Amino acid sequence: MHKKYPPFFKNKFLFLDINMTDMSKNVAHNVHSIAGIFMYIFIF
C-alpha cells in the first residue's frame, strides 16, 4: 500500500473505504492513486 500521501488524503480514503461497495472502492482507489501521483509530481 502506498504510504506517501498526506494525512488528509489518507483519512478521506479511509472514510470512503468504509462507506462504499467493493466495486466503488476499486474505482475510488484508482482515482486516489492518480491524485497521489499528481501530488507527488507537483510537490517534488
N, C-alpha and C. Protein backbone atom coordinates (compact mmCIF):
# COMPACT_ATOMS: atom_id res chain seq x y z
N MET A 1 0.85 -1.20 0.00
CA MET A 1 0.00 0.00 0.00
C MET A 1 0.88 1.24 0.00
N HIS A 2 0.42 2.27 -0.69
CA HIS A 2 1.20 3.49 -0.77
C HIS A 2 1.14 4.25 0.55
N LYS A 3 2.27 4.79 0.97
CA LYS A 3 2.34 5.50 2.25
C LYS A 3 2.77 6.96 2.09
N LYS A 4 2.87 7.44 0.83
CA LYS A 4 3.42 8.77 0.58
C LYS A 4 2.39 9.89 0.67
N TYR A 5 1.09 9.49 0.80
CA TYR A 5 0.06 10.51 0.75
C TYR A 5 0.03 11.35 2.02
N PRO A 6 -0.36 12.63 1.88
CA PRO A 6 -0.60 13.46 3.06
C PRO A 6 -1.71 12.86 3.92
N PRO A 7 -1.70 13.11 5.23
CA PRO A 7 -2.68 12.50 6.14
C PRO A 7 -4.13 12.76 5.73
N PHE A 8 -4.42 13.96 5.20
CA PHE A 8 -5.81 14.25 4.87
C PHE A 8 -6.30 13.38 3.71
N PHE A 9 -5.42 13.05 2.78
CA PHE A 9 -5.80 12.12 1.70
C PHE A 9 -6.09 10.74 2.28
N LYS A 10 -5.22 10.32 3.19
CA LYS A 10 -5.36 9.01 3.80
C LYS A 10 -6.68 8.91 4.57
N ASN A 11 -6.98 9.93 5.37
CA ASN A 11 -8.22 9.93 6.15
C ASN A 11 -9.44 9.94 5.25
N LYS A 12 -9.40 10.75 4.19
CA LYS A 12 -10.52 10.82 3.26
C LYS A 12 -10.75 9.46 2.60
N PHE A 13 -9.67 8.79 2.21
CA PHE A 13 -9.81 7.50 1.55
C PHE A 13 -10.36 6.45 2.52
N LEU A 14 -9.90 6.49 3.77
CA LEU A 14 -10.41 5.54 4.76
C LEU A 14 -11.90 5.76 4.99
N PHE A 15 -12.32 7.01 5.02
CA PHE A 15 -13.74 7.34 5.16
C PHE A 15 -14.54 6.78 3.99
N LEU A 16 -14.01 6.98 2.77
CA LEU A 16 -14.68 6.45 1.58
C LEU A 16 -14.69 4.92 1.60
N ASP A 17 -13.61 4.34 2.08
CA ASP A 17 -13.47 2.89 2.12
C ASP A 17 -14.57 2.26 2.99
N ILE A 18 -14.92 2.93 4.08
CA ILE A 18 -15.95 2.41 4.98
C ILE A 18 -17.34 2.51 4.34
N ASN A 19 -17.55 3.53 3.50
CA ASN A 19 -18.89 3.83 3.02
C ASN A 19 -19.20 3.40 1.59
N MET A 20 -18.31 2.67 0.95
CA MET A 20 -18.52 2.29 -0.44
C MET A 20 -18.59 0.78 -0.62
N THR A 21 -19.20 0.37 -1.73
CA THR A 21 -19.20 -1.04 -2.09
C THR A 21 -17.83 -1.42 -2.64
N ASP A 22 -17.60 -2.72 -2.83
CA ASP A 22 -16.30 -3.18 -3.32
C ASP A 22 -15.97 -2.60 -4.70
N MET A 23 -16.96 -2.59 -5.59
CA MET A 23 -16.70 -2.09 -6.94
C MET A 23 -16.37 -0.61 -6.90
N SER A 24 -17.13 0.15 -6.11
CA SER A 24 -16.87 1.58 -5.98
C SER A 24 -15.53 1.84 -5.32
N LYS A 25 -15.15 0.98 -4.38
CA LYS A 25 -13.86 1.14 -3.74
C LYS A 25 -12.72 1.00 -4.73
N ASN A 26 -12.86 0.07 -5.67
CA ASN A 26 -11.82 -0.11 -6.68
C ASN A 26 -11.67 1.16 -7.52
N VAL A 27 -12.79 1.74 -7.92
CA VAL A 27 -12.75 2.99 -8.70
C VAL A 27 -12.15 4.10 -7.87
N ALA A 28 -12.60 4.22 -6.62
CA ALA A 28 -12.09 5.27 -5.72
C ALA A 28 -10.59 5.10 -5.51
N HIS A 29 -10.13 3.87 -5.40
CA HIS A 29 -8.71 3.62 -5.19
C HIS A 29 -7.90 4.08 -6.39
N ASN A 30 -8.41 3.83 -7.60
CA ASN A 30 -7.72 4.27 -8.81
C ASN A 30 -7.62 5.79 -8.86
N VAL A 31 -8.73 6.47 -8.57
CA VAL A 31 -8.72 7.94 -8.57
C VAL A 31 -7.76 8.45 -7.50
N HIS A 32 -7.80 7.82 -6.33
CA HIS A 32 -6.93 8.19 -5.21
C HIS A 32 -5.46 8.05 -5.61
N SER A 33 -5.14 6.95 -6.28
CA SER A 33 -3.76 6.71 -6.70
C SER A 33 -3.30 7.75 -7.71
N ILE A 34 -4.18 8.08 -8.67
CA ILE A 34 -3.84 9.09 -9.67
C ILE A 34 -3.63 10.44 -9.01
N ALA A 35 -4.50 10.80 -8.08
CA ALA A 35 -4.36 12.06 -7.35
C ALA A 35 -3.04 12.09 -6.58
N GLY A 36 -2.69 10.95 -5.98
CA GLY A 36 -1.43 10.86 -5.24
C GLY A 36 -0.22 11.04 -6.15
N ILE A 37 -0.29 10.48 -7.34
CA ILE A 37 0.80 10.63 -8.30
C ILE A 37 0.97 12.09 -8.70
N PHE A 38 -0.15 12.77 -8.98
CA PHE A 38 -0.05 14.19 -9.34
C PHE A 38 0.47 15.02 -8.18
N MET A 39 0.02 14.71 -6.96
CA MET A 39 0.52 15.42 -5.78
C MET A 39 2.03 15.22 -5.68
N TYR A 40 2.48 13.97 -5.87
CA TYR A 40 3.91 13.66 -5.79
C TYR A 40 4.69 14.45 -6.82
N ILE A 41 4.17 14.53 -8.05
CA ILE A 41 4.85 15.26 -9.12
C ILE A 41 4.93 16.76 -8.79
N PHE A 42 3.81 17.33 -8.34
CA PHE A 42 3.79 18.78 -8.09
C PHE A 42 4.60 19.16 -6.87
N ILE A 43 4.61 18.32 -5.84
CA ILE A 43 5.37 18.64 -4.63
C ILE A 43 6.86 18.49 -4.87
N PHE A 44 7.24 17.41 -5.58
CA PHE A 44 8.66 17.15 -5.81
C PHE A 44 9.04 17.44 -7.26
